[in-house]
């Protein structure tokens, strides 16, 4: 494995940890954007161009920016006054250990079911083919997602305006 892959993996994990551990909501959203960017760069490093560019366009370009706008418009960036942590961290550790055990078991017991003596074929679909399909056959779902994201942003603006009028 290359050195760049390790750097990108560290960037992705650091962004994810920062998104979970930071107390300011705006900083968490920005750290989540860093994790999304690291994941997109990992896809690009592994020669999965469509997944990498889709990660950049959809998650960084739409979802992360929408989350940041929603937080800023609804004034949700203030730190909560009470403790955000449970009084019994042992319960959280037990649940995390159980989830980790189930995921580990699933990974260790998964096998690829290829016939003996055959290798997996490389898909013949290119990024251009996927783009053509999105602009012809799947243009309606693509437009519906765009309208949904626009409606969510307009809803955040309306909620923010409503809260501002109520505070006067």
N, C-alpha and C. Protein backbone atom coordinates (compact mmCIF):
# COMPACT_ATOMS: atom_id res chain seq x y z
N UNK A 1 0.83 -1.18 0.00
CA UNK A 1 0.00 0.00 0.00
C UNK A 1 0.88 1.24 0.00
N UNK A 2 0.36 2.29 -0.58
CA UNK A 2 1.17 3.49 -0.72
C UNK A 2 1.07 4.38 0.51
N UNK A 3 2.03 5.26 0.62
CA UNK A 3 2.09 6.21 1.73
C UNK A 3 0.90 7.18 1.68
N UNK A 4 0.49 7.54 0.47
CA UNK A 4 -0.63 8.47 0.29
C UNK A 4 -1.92 7.88 0.85
N UNK A 5 -2.10 6.57 0.68
CA UNK A 5 -3.29 5.90 1.19
C UNK A 5 -3.36 6.00 2.71
N UNK A 6 -2.24 5.84 3.37
CA UNK A 6 -2.21 5.96 4.83
C UNK A 6 -2.51 7.38 5.28
N UNK A 7 -2.00 8.36 4.57
CA UNK A 7 -2.26 9.77 4.91
C UNK A 7 -3.75 10.08 4.74
N UNK A 8 -4.34 9.62 3.63
CA UNK A 8 -5.75 9.87 3.40
C UNK A 8 -6.63 9.15 4.41
N UNK A 9 -6.24 7.94 4.79
CA UNK A 9 -7.00 7.22 5.81
C UNK A 9 -6.93 7.94 7.14
N UNK A 10 -5.75 8.45 7.49
CA UNK A 10 -5.61 9.20 8.75
C UNK A 10 -6.45 10.48 8.71
N UNK A 11 -6.48 11.17 7.57
CA UNK A 11 -7.29 12.38 7.43
C UNK A 11 -8.78 12.06 7.59
N UNK A 12 -9.22 10.97 6.99
CA UNK A 12 -10.63 10.59 7.08
C UNK A 12 -11.01 10.23 8.51
N UNK A 13 -10.18 9.44 9.17
CA UNK A 13 -10.46 9.04 10.56
C UNK A 13 -10.41 10.26 11.48
N UNK A 14 -9.44 11.14 11.28
CA UNK A 14 -9.35 12.34 12.11
C UNK A 14 -10.57 13.24 11.92
N UNK A 15 -11.04 13.39 10.69
CA UNK A 15 -12.24 14.18 10.45
C UNK A 15 -13.47 13.55 11.10
N UNK A 16 -13.59 12.24 11.01
CA UNK A 16 -14.71 11.56 11.65
C UNK A 16 -14.69 11.67 13.16
N UNK A 17 -13.49 11.49 13.75
CA UNK A 17 -13.38 11.63 15.20
C UNK A 17 -13.67 13.06 15.65
N UNK A 18 -13.18 14.03 14.90
CA UNK A 18 -13.45 15.43 15.24
C UNK A 18 -14.95 15.73 15.15
N UNK A 19 -15.62 15.16 14.15
CA UNK A 19 -17.06 15.38 14.00
C UNK A 19 -17.83 14.81 15.18
N UNK A 20 -17.32 13.76 15.78
CA UNK A 20 -18.01 13.15 16.91
C UNK A 20 -17.64 13.81 18.23
N UNK A 21 -16.40 14.23 18.37
CA UNK A 21 -15.90 14.67 19.67
C UNK A 21 -15.96 16.17 19.92
N UNK A 22 -16.04 17.00 18.89
CA UNK A 22 -16.08 18.44 19.11
C UNK A 22 -17.42 18.85 19.71
N UNK A 23 -17.41 19.92 20.49
CA UNK A 23 -18.64 20.35 21.17
C UNK A 23 -19.43 21.37 20.36
N UNK A 24 -18.76 22.20 19.56
CA UNK A 24 -19.45 23.19 18.76
C UNK A 24 -20.03 22.51 17.52
N UNK A 25 -21.32 22.72 17.29
CA UNK A 25 -22.00 22.03 16.20
C UNK A 25 -21.48 22.45 14.83
N UNK A 26 -21.14 23.71 14.66
CA UNK A 26 -20.60 24.17 13.38
C UNK A 26 -19.26 23.51 13.11
N UNK A 27 -18.42 23.41 14.14
CA UNK A 27 -17.13 22.75 13.97
C UNK A 27 -17.31 21.27 13.64
N UNK A 28 -18.32 20.64 14.25
CA UNK A 28 -18.61 19.23 13.94
C UNK A 28 -19.01 19.06 12.48
N UNK A 29 -19.83 19.97 11.98
CA UNK A 29 -20.26 19.88 10.58
C UNK A 29 -19.08 20.10 9.63
N UNK A 30 -18.21 21.01 9.96
CA UNK A 30 -17.04 21.23 9.12
C UNK A 30 -16.07 20.05 9.18
N UNK A 31 -15.93 19.43 10.35
CA UNK A 31 -15.10 18.24 10.47
C UNK A 31 -15.70 17.08 9.68
N UNK A 32 -17.02 17.01 9.65
CA UNK A 32 -17.69 15.99 8.84
C UNK A 32 -17.39 16.20 7.36
N UNK A 33 -17.30 17.46 6.95
CA UNK A 33 -16.94 17.77 5.57
C UNK A 33 -15.51 17.30 5.27
N UNK A 34 -14.61 17.45 6.23
CA UNK A 34 -13.24 16.97 6.05
C UNK A 34 -13.23 15.44 5.92
N UNK A 35 -14.06 14.76 6.72
CA UNK A 35 -14.15 13.30 6.62
C UNK A 35 -14.70 12.88 5.26
N UNK A 36 -15.71 13.61 4.76
CA UNK A 36 -16.25 13.32 3.43
C UNK A 36 -15.18 13.52 2.36
N UNK A 37 -14.40 14.60 2.49
CA UNK A 37 -13.35 14.87 1.51
C UNK A 37 -12.27 13.79 1.54
N UNK A 38 -11.89 13.35 2.74
CA UNK A 38 -10.92 12.28 2.85
C UNK A 38 -11.42 10.99 2.22
N UNK A 39 -12.69 10.70 2.41
CA UNK A 39 -13.27 9.50 1.82
C UNK A 39 -13.31 9.61 0.29
N UNK A 40 -13.63 10.79 -0.21
CA UNK A 40 -13.62 10.98 -1.67
C UNK A 40 -12.22 10.81 -2.23
N UNK A 41 -11.23 11.34 -1.55
CA UNK A 41 -9.85 11.18 -2.01
C UNK A 41 -9.40 9.72 -1.94
N UNK A 42 -9.88 8.99 -0.94
CA UNK A 42 -9.58 7.56 -0.87
C UNK A 42 -10.18 6.83 -2.08
N UNK A 43 -11.41 7.15 -2.43
CA UNK A 43 -12.02 6.54 -3.61
C UNK A 43 -11.20 6.85 -4.86
N UNK A 44 -10.78 8.10 -5.00
CA UNK A 44 -10.00 8.48 -6.17
C UNK A 44 -8.65 7.77 -6.19
N UNK A 45 -8.03 7.61 -5.03
CA UNK A 45 -6.74 6.91 -4.94
C UNK A 45 -6.88 5.43 -5.32
N UNK A 46 -8.04 4.86 -5.04
CA UNK A 46 -8.28 3.46 -5.34
C UNK A 46 -8.88 3.24 -6.73
N UNK A 47 -8.79 4.25 -7.59
CA UNK A 47 -9.28 4.19 -8.98
C UNK A 47 -10.78 3.95 -9.08
N UNK A 48 -11.53 4.49 -8.15
CA UNK A 48 -12.99 4.45 -8.23
C UNK A 48 -13.46 5.88 -8.49
N UNK A 49 -13.25 6.33 -9.73
CA UNK A 49 -13.49 7.73 -10.05
C UNK A 49 -14.93 8.14 -9.85
N UNK A 50 -15.88 7.30 -10.27
CA UNK A 50 -17.28 7.70 -10.13
C UNK A 50 -17.66 7.85 -8.67
N UNK A 51 -17.27 6.89 -7.84
CA UNK A 51 -17.60 6.99 -6.41
C UNK A 51 -16.94 8.21 -5.78
N UNK A 52 -15.71 8.51 -6.17
CA UNK A 52 -15.01 9.67 -5.62
C UNK A 52 -15.65 10.97 -6.02
N UNK A 53 -15.97 11.12 -7.31
CA UNK A 53 -16.60 12.37 -7.76
C UNK A 53 -18.03 12.49 -7.26
N UNK A 54 -18.74 11.37 -7.14
CA UNK A 54 -20.08 11.42 -6.56
C UNK A 54 -20.00 11.83 -5.10
N UNK A 55 -19.00 11.35 -4.39
CA UNK A 55 -18.80 11.75 -2.99
C UNK A 55 -18.57 13.26 -2.90
N UNK A 56 -17.77 13.78 -3.80
CA UNK A 56 -17.49 15.22 -3.79
C UNK A 56 -18.75 16.01 -4.13
N UNK A 57 -19.44 15.63 -5.18
CA UNK A 57 -20.61 16.39 -5.61
C UNK A 57 -21.77 16.28 -4.64
N UNK A 58 -22.07 15.06 -4.20
CA UNK A 58 -23.26 14.85 -3.39
C UNK A 58 -23.01 15.18 -1.93
N UNK A 59 -22.00 14.58 -1.34
CA UNK A 59 -21.81 14.75 0.10
C UNK A 59 -21.15 16.07 0.46
N UNK A 60 -20.09 16.45 -0.25
CA UNK A 60 -19.44 17.72 0.08
C UNK A 60 -20.21 18.88 -0.52
N UNK A 61 -20.61 18.75 -1.78
CA UNK A 61 -21.25 19.86 -2.46
C UNK A 61 -22.68 20.10 -2.06
N UNK A 62 -23.36 19.11 -1.56
CA UNK A 62 -24.77 19.29 -1.24
C UNK A 62 -25.06 19.03 0.24
N UNK A 63 -24.81 17.82 0.70
CA UNK A 63 -25.23 17.44 2.04
C UNK A 63 -24.49 18.23 3.12
N UNK A 64 -23.17 18.28 3.03
CA UNK A 64 -22.40 18.98 4.08
C UNK A 64 -22.71 20.47 4.10
N UNK A 65 -22.82 21.08 2.93
CA UNK A 65 -23.15 22.50 2.87
C UNK A 65 -24.56 22.74 3.38
N UNK A 66 -25.48 21.86 3.07
CA UNK A 66 -26.84 21.98 3.58
C UNK A 66 -26.87 21.85 5.09
N UNK A 67 -26.09 20.95 5.65
CA UNK A 67 -26.03 20.80 7.11
C UNK A 67 -25.46 22.07 7.75
N UNK A 68 -24.41 22.62 7.18
CA UNK A 68 -23.82 23.84 7.73
C UNK A 68 -24.83 24.98 7.66
N UNK A 69 -25.51 25.15 6.52
CA UNK A 69 -26.51 26.21 6.41
C UNK A 69 -27.65 25.99 7.41
N UNK A 70 -28.12 24.76 7.55
CA UNK A 70 -29.21 24.49 8.48
C UNK A 70 -28.81 24.81 9.91
N UNK A 71 -27.59 24.47 10.28
CA UNK A 71 -27.12 24.78 11.64
C UNK A 71 -27.02 26.28 11.83
N UNK A 72 -26.45 26.98 10.87
CA UNK A 72 -26.28 28.42 11.01
C UNK A 72 -27.62 29.15 10.97
N UNK A 73 -28.55 28.70 10.15
CA UNK A 73 -29.83 29.39 10.04
C UNK A 73 -30.75 29.12 11.21
N UNK A 74 -30.64 27.97 11.83
CA UNK A 74 -31.51 27.66 12.97
C UNK A 74 -30.86 27.95 14.30
N UNK A 75 -29.71 28.55 14.27
CA UNK A 75 -28.98 28.93 15.48
C UNK A 75 -28.73 27.74 16.38
N UNK A 76 -28.40 26.62 15.78
CA UNK A 76 -28.14 25.42 16.55
C UNK A 76 -26.66 25.25 16.87
N UNK A 77 -25.88 26.31 16.71
CA UNK A 77 -24.45 26.18 16.93
C UNK A 77 -24.05 26.41 18.38
N UNK A 78 -25.01 26.81 19.23
CA UNK A 78 -24.67 27.01 20.63
C UNK A 78 -24.42 25.68 21.31
N UNK A 79 -23.49 25.69 22.23
CA UNK A 79 -23.17 24.49 22.98
C UNK A 79 -24.27 24.24 24.01
N UNK A 80 -24.74 23.00 24.15
CA UNK A 80 -25.77 22.73 25.15
C UNK A 80 -25.25 23.00 26.56
N UNK A 81 -26.14 23.48 27.41
CA UNK A 81 -25.74 23.83 28.77
C UNK A 81 -25.48 22.59 29.62
N UNK A 82 -26.32 21.58 29.48
CA UNK A 82 -26.15 20.37 30.28
C UNK A 82 -25.09 19.45 29.69
N UNK A 83 -24.82 18.39 30.40
CA UNK A 83 -23.83 17.42 29.94
C UNK A 83 -24.43 16.58 28.82
N UNK A 84 -23.66 16.41 27.76
CA UNK A 84 -24.12 15.60 26.63
C UNK A 84 -23.77 14.14 26.81
N UNK A 85 -23.06 13.82 27.88
CA UNK A 85 -22.61 12.45 28.10
C UNK A 85 -23.48 11.76 29.12
N UNK A 86 -23.55 10.47 28.99
CA UNK A 86 -24.32 9.66 29.93
C UNK A 86 -23.59 9.58 31.26
N UNK A 87 -24.35 9.36 32.30
CA UNK A 87 -23.73 9.21 33.62
C UNK A 87 -23.13 7.82 33.79
N UNK A 88 -23.48 6.91 32.90
CA UNK A 88 -22.96 5.56 32.97
C UNK A 88 -22.27 5.21 31.65
N UNK A 89 -20.98 5.50 31.53
CA UNK A 89 -20.29 5.21 30.26
C UNK A 89 -20.11 3.72 30.02
N UNK A 90 -20.29 2.91 31.05
CA UNK A 90 -20.14 1.47 30.90
C UNK A 90 -21.17 0.90 29.93
N UNK A 91 -22.38 1.44 29.95
CA UNK A 91 -23.43 0.97 29.04
C UNK A 91 -23.03 1.25 27.58
N UNK A 92 -22.50 2.43 27.33
CA UNK A 92 -22.05 2.77 25.99
C UNK A 92 -20.91 1.88 25.52
N UNK A 93 -19.99 1.58 26.42
CA UNK A 93 -18.87 0.70 26.07
C UNK A 93 -19.34 -0.72 25.76
N UNK A 94 -20.32 -1.20 26.51
CA UNK A 94 -20.86 -2.55 26.26
C UNK A 94 -21.56 -2.60 24.90
N UNK A 95 -22.35 -1.57 24.60
CA UNK A 95 -23.04 -1.53 23.31
C UNK A 95 -22.03 -1.44 22.17
N UNK A 96 -21.00 -0.59 22.32
CA UNK A 96 -19.97 -0.46 21.28
C UNK A 96 -19.22 -1.78 21.08
N UNK A 97 -18.92 -2.48 22.18
CA UNK A 97 -18.23 -3.77 22.07
C UNK A 97 -19.10 -4.81 21.37
N UNK A 98 -20.41 -4.79 21.64
CA UNK A 98 -21.31 -5.73 20.97
C UNK A 98 -21.39 -5.45 19.47
N UNK A 99 -21.52 -4.17 19.11
CA UNK A 99 -21.58 -3.81 17.68
C UNK A 99 -20.28 -4.20 16.99
N UNK A 100 -19.15 -3.92 17.63
CA UNK A 100 -17.85 -4.27 17.06
C UNK A 100 -17.73 -5.78 16.90
N UNK A 101 -18.21 -6.55 17.87
CA UNK A 101 -18.14 -8.01 17.78
C UNK A 101 -19.00 -8.54 16.63
N UNK A 102 -20.19 -8.01 16.46
CA UNK A 102 -21.07 -8.45 15.38
C UNK A 102 -20.46 -8.10 14.02
N UNK A 103 -19.94 -6.88 13.89
CA UNK A 103 -19.31 -6.48 12.62
C UNK A 103 -18.06 -7.32 12.34
N UNK A 104 -17.26 -7.57 13.35
CA UNK A 104 -16.08 -8.41 13.18
C UNK A 104 -16.44 -9.82 12.77
N UNK A 105 -17.46 -10.38 13.39
CA UNK A 105 -17.91 -11.72 13.04
C UNK A 105 -18.38 -11.76 11.59
N UNK A 106 -19.14 -10.73 11.16
CA UNK A 106 -19.65 -10.69 9.79
C UNK A 106 -18.52 -10.59 8.78
N UNK A 107 -17.51 -9.80 9.09
CA UNK A 107 -16.38 -9.65 8.16
C UNK A 107 -15.58 -10.94 8.09
N UNK A 108 -15.33 -11.56 9.22
CA UNK A 108 -14.52 -12.78 9.24
C UNK A 108 -15.22 -13.97 8.60
N UNK A 109 -16.54 -13.99 8.62
CA UNK A 109 -17.27 -15.12 8.07
C UNK A 109 -17.82 -14.86 6.67
N UNK A 110 -17.49 -13.73 6.09
CA UNK A 110 -17.96 -13.46 4.74
C UNK A 110 -16.96 -14.04 3.74
N UNK A 111 -17.49 -14.62 2.68
CA UNK A 111 -16.64 -15.19 1.64
C UNK A 111 -17.22 -14.82 0.29
N UNK A 112 -16.35 -14.68 -0.68
CA UNK A 112 -16.79 -14.44 -2.05
C UNK A 112 -17.12 -15.79 -2.68
N UNK A 113 -18.24 -15.86 -3.33
CA UNK A 113 -18.69 -17.12 -3.93
C UNK A 113 -18.37 -17.17 -5.41
N UNK A 114 -17.09 -17.23 -5.75
CA UNK A 114 -16.68 -17.37 -7.15
C UNK A 114 -16.40 -18.84 -7.44
N UNK A 115 -16.74 -19.28 -8.63
CA UNK A 115 -16.41 -20.67 -8.99
C UNK A 115 -14.89 -20.86 -8.99
N UNK A 116 -14.43 -22.05 -8.66
CA UNK A 116 -12.98 -22.28 -8.61
C UNK A 116 -12.33 -22.07 -9.98
N UNK A 117 -11.18 -21.43 -9.98
CA UNK A 117 -10.43 -21.21 -11.21
C UNK A 117 -10.84 -19.97 -11.99
N UNK A 118 -11.80 -19.19 -11.47
CA UNK A 118 -12.21 -17.97 -12.17
C UNK A 118 -11.79 -16.75 -11.37
N UNK A 119 -11.63 -15.68 -12.07
CA UNK A 119 -11.30 -14.42 -11.41
C UNK A 119 -12.47 -13.46 -11.61
N UNK A 120 -12.56 -12.47 -10.75
CA UNK A 120 -13.65 -11.51 -10.89
C UNK A 120 -13.38 -10.62 -12.10
N UNK A 121 -14.41 -10.40 -12.87
CA UNK A 121 -14.29 -9.59 -14.08
C UNK A 121 -14.37 -8.11 -13.74
N UNK A 122 -13.59 -7.34 -14.43
CA UNK A 122 -13.66 -5.89 -14.26
C UNK A 122 -14.90 -5.37 -14.97
N UNK A 123 -15.69 -4.54 -14.30
CA UNK A 123 -16.90 -4.04 -14.96
C UNK A 123 -16.54 -3.20 -16.19
N UNK A 124 -17.38 -3.26 -17.19
CA UNK A 124 -17.12 -2.52 -18.42
C UNK A 124 -17.84 -1.18 -18.45
N UNK A 125 -18.54 -0.84 -17.39
CA UNK A 125 -19.25 0.43 -17.32
C UNK A 125 -18.26 1.53 -16.99
N UNK A 126 -18.30 2.60 -17.75
CA UNK A 126 -17.40 3.72 -17.51
C UNK A 126 -18.17 4.87 -16.84
N UNK A 127 -17.43 5.87 -16.42
CA UNK A 127 -18.04 7.04 -15.80
C UNK A 127 -18.92 7.76 -16.82
N UNK A 128 -18.51 7.77 -18.08
CA UNK A 128 -19.32 8.40 -19.13
C UNK A 128 -20.66 7.67 -19.29
N UNK A 129 -20.65 6.35 -19.20
CA UNK A 129 -21.90 5.58 -19.29
C UNK A 129 -22.83 5.92 -18.13
N UNK A 130 -22.27 6.04 -16.94
CA UNK A 130 -23.08 6.39 -15.77
C UNK A 130 -23.64 7.80 -15.92
N UNK A 131 -22.82 8.73 -16.39
CA UNK A 131 -23.29 10.10 -16.61
C UNK A 131 -24.40 10.16 -17.64
N UNK A 132 -24.25 9.40 -18.73
CA UNK A 132 -25.31 9.36 -19.74
C UNK A 132 -26.60 8.77 -19.17
N UNK A 133 -26.49 7.75 -18.34
CA UNK A 133 -27.68 7.16 -17.73
C UNK A 133 -28.35 8.15 -16.78
N UNK A 134 -27.55 8.91 -16.02
CA UNK A 134 -28.13 9.90 -15.11
C UNK A 134 -28.84 11.02 -15.86
N UNK A 135 -28.34 11.37 -17.03
CA UNK A 135 -28.94 12.48 -17.78
C UNK A 135 -30.04 12.03 -18.73
N UNK A 136 -30.25 10.72 -18.88
CA UNK A 136 -31.31 10.24 -19.76
C UNK A 136 -32.33 9.43 -18.97
N UNK A 137 -31.96 8.24 -18.56
CA UNK A 137 -32.91 7.33 -17.94
C UNK A 137 -33.26 7.74 -16.51
N UNK A 138 -32.30 8.25 -15.75
CA UNK A 138 -32.52 8.56 -14.33
C UNK A 138 -32.57 10.06 -14.07
N UNK A 139 -32.99 10.85 -15.05
CA UNK A 139 -33.02 12.30 -14.85
C UNK A 139 -34.13 12.70 -13.87
N UNK A 140 -35.25 11.99 -13.84
CA UNK A 140 -36.33 12.33 -12.92
C UNK A 140 -35.92 12.14 -11.46
N UNK A 141 -35.34 10.99 -11.07
CA UNK A 141 -34.89 10.88 -9.68
C UNK A 141 -33.82 11.91 -9.31
N UNK A 142 -32.96 12.25 -10.26
CA UNK A 142 -31.94 13.25 -10.01
C UNK A 142 -32.58 14.61 -9.73
N UNK A 143 -33.58 14.98 -10.48
CA UNK A 143 -34.28 16.25 -10.27
C UNK A 143 -35.07 16.24 -8.97
N UNK A 144 -35.65 15.09 -8.60
CA UNK A 144 -36.39 14.99 -7.35
C UNK A 144 -35.47 15.20 -6.17
N UNK A 145 -34.26 14.64 -6.21
CA UNK A 145 -33.30 14.86 -5.14
C UNK A 145 -32.90 16.33 -5.05
N UNK A 146 -32.72 16.98 -6.20
CA UNK A 146 -32.38 18.41 -6.20
C UNK A 146 -33.51 19.22 -5.58
N UNK A 147 -34.75 18.91 -5.91
CA UNK A 147 -35.89 19.62 -5.32
C UNK A 147 -36.00 19.36 -3.82
N UNK A 148 -35.73 18.14 -3.40
CA UNK A 148 -35.78 17.81 -1.98
C UNK A 148 -34.75 18.60 -1.18
N UNK A 149 -33.53 18.70 -1.71
CA UNK A 149 -32.50 19.48 -1.03
C UNK A 149 -32.84 20.96 -1.01
N UNK A 150 -33.42 21.47 -2.08
CA UNK A 150 -33.84 22.87 -2.11
C UNK A 150 -34.96 23.12 -1.11
N UNK A 151 -35.91 22.21 -1.02
CA UNK A 151 -37.01 22.36 -0.06
C UNK A 151 -36.48 22.31 1.37
N UNK A 152 -35.48 21.49 1.64
CA UNK A 152 -34.91 21.43 2.99
C UNK A 152 -34.23 22.74 3.35
N UNK A 153 -33.54 23.34 2.40
CA UNK A 153 -32.88 24.62 2.65
C UNK A 153 -33.91 25.72 2.87
N UNK A 154 -34.97 25.75 2.08
CA UNK A 154 -36.02 26.75 2.25
C UNK A 154 -36.71 26.54 3.60
N UNK A 155 -36.93 25.30 3.99
CA UNK A 155 -37.51 25.03 5.30
C UNK A 155 -36.64 25.52 6.44
N UNK A 156 -35.32 25.38 6.31
CA UNK A 156 -34.42 25.89 7.34
C UNK A 156 -34.50 27.41 7.43
N UNK A 157 -34.61 28.08 6.30
CA UNK A 157 -34.74 29.54 6.30
C UNK A 157 -36.05 29.95 6.96
N UNK A 158 -37.13 29.26 6.67
CA UNK A 158 -38.43 29.60 7.26
C UNK A 158 -38.39 29.38 8.77
N UNK A 159 -37.80 28.29 9.22
CA UNK A 159 -37.69 28.03 10.65
C UNK A 159 -36.85 29.11 11.33
N UNK A 160 -35.76 29.50 10.70
CA UNK A 160 -34.91 30.54 11.27
C UNK A 160 -35.64 31.88 11.33
N UNK A 161 -36.41 32.20 10.30
CA UNK A 161 -37.17 33.46 10.31
C UNK A 161 -38.25 33.42 11.38
N UNK A 162 -38.89 32.27 11.57
CA UNK A 162 -39.94 32.13 12.57
C UNK A 162 -39.36 32.31 13.98
N UNK A 163 -38.18 31.72 14.24
CA UNK A 163 -37.54 31.87 15.55
C UNK A 163 -37.13 33.30 15.79
N UNK A 164 -36.69 34.00 14.78
CA UNK A 164 -36.26 35.39 14.92
C UNK A 164 -37.45 36.28 15.26
N UNK A 165 -38.61 36.05 14.61
CA UNK A 165 -39.81 36.84 14.90
C UNK A 165 -40.33 36.56 16.31
N UNK A 166 -40.18 35.33 16.79
CA UNK A 166 -40.67 34.98 18.12
C UNK A 166 -39.82 35.58 19.23
N UNK A 167 -38.56 35.92 18.97
CA UNK A 167 -37.69 36.44 20.00
C UNK A 167 -37.84 37.94 20.19
N UNK A 168 -38.60 38.61 19.33
CA UNK A 168 -38.78 40.08 19.43
C UNK A 168 -39.75 40.44 20.50
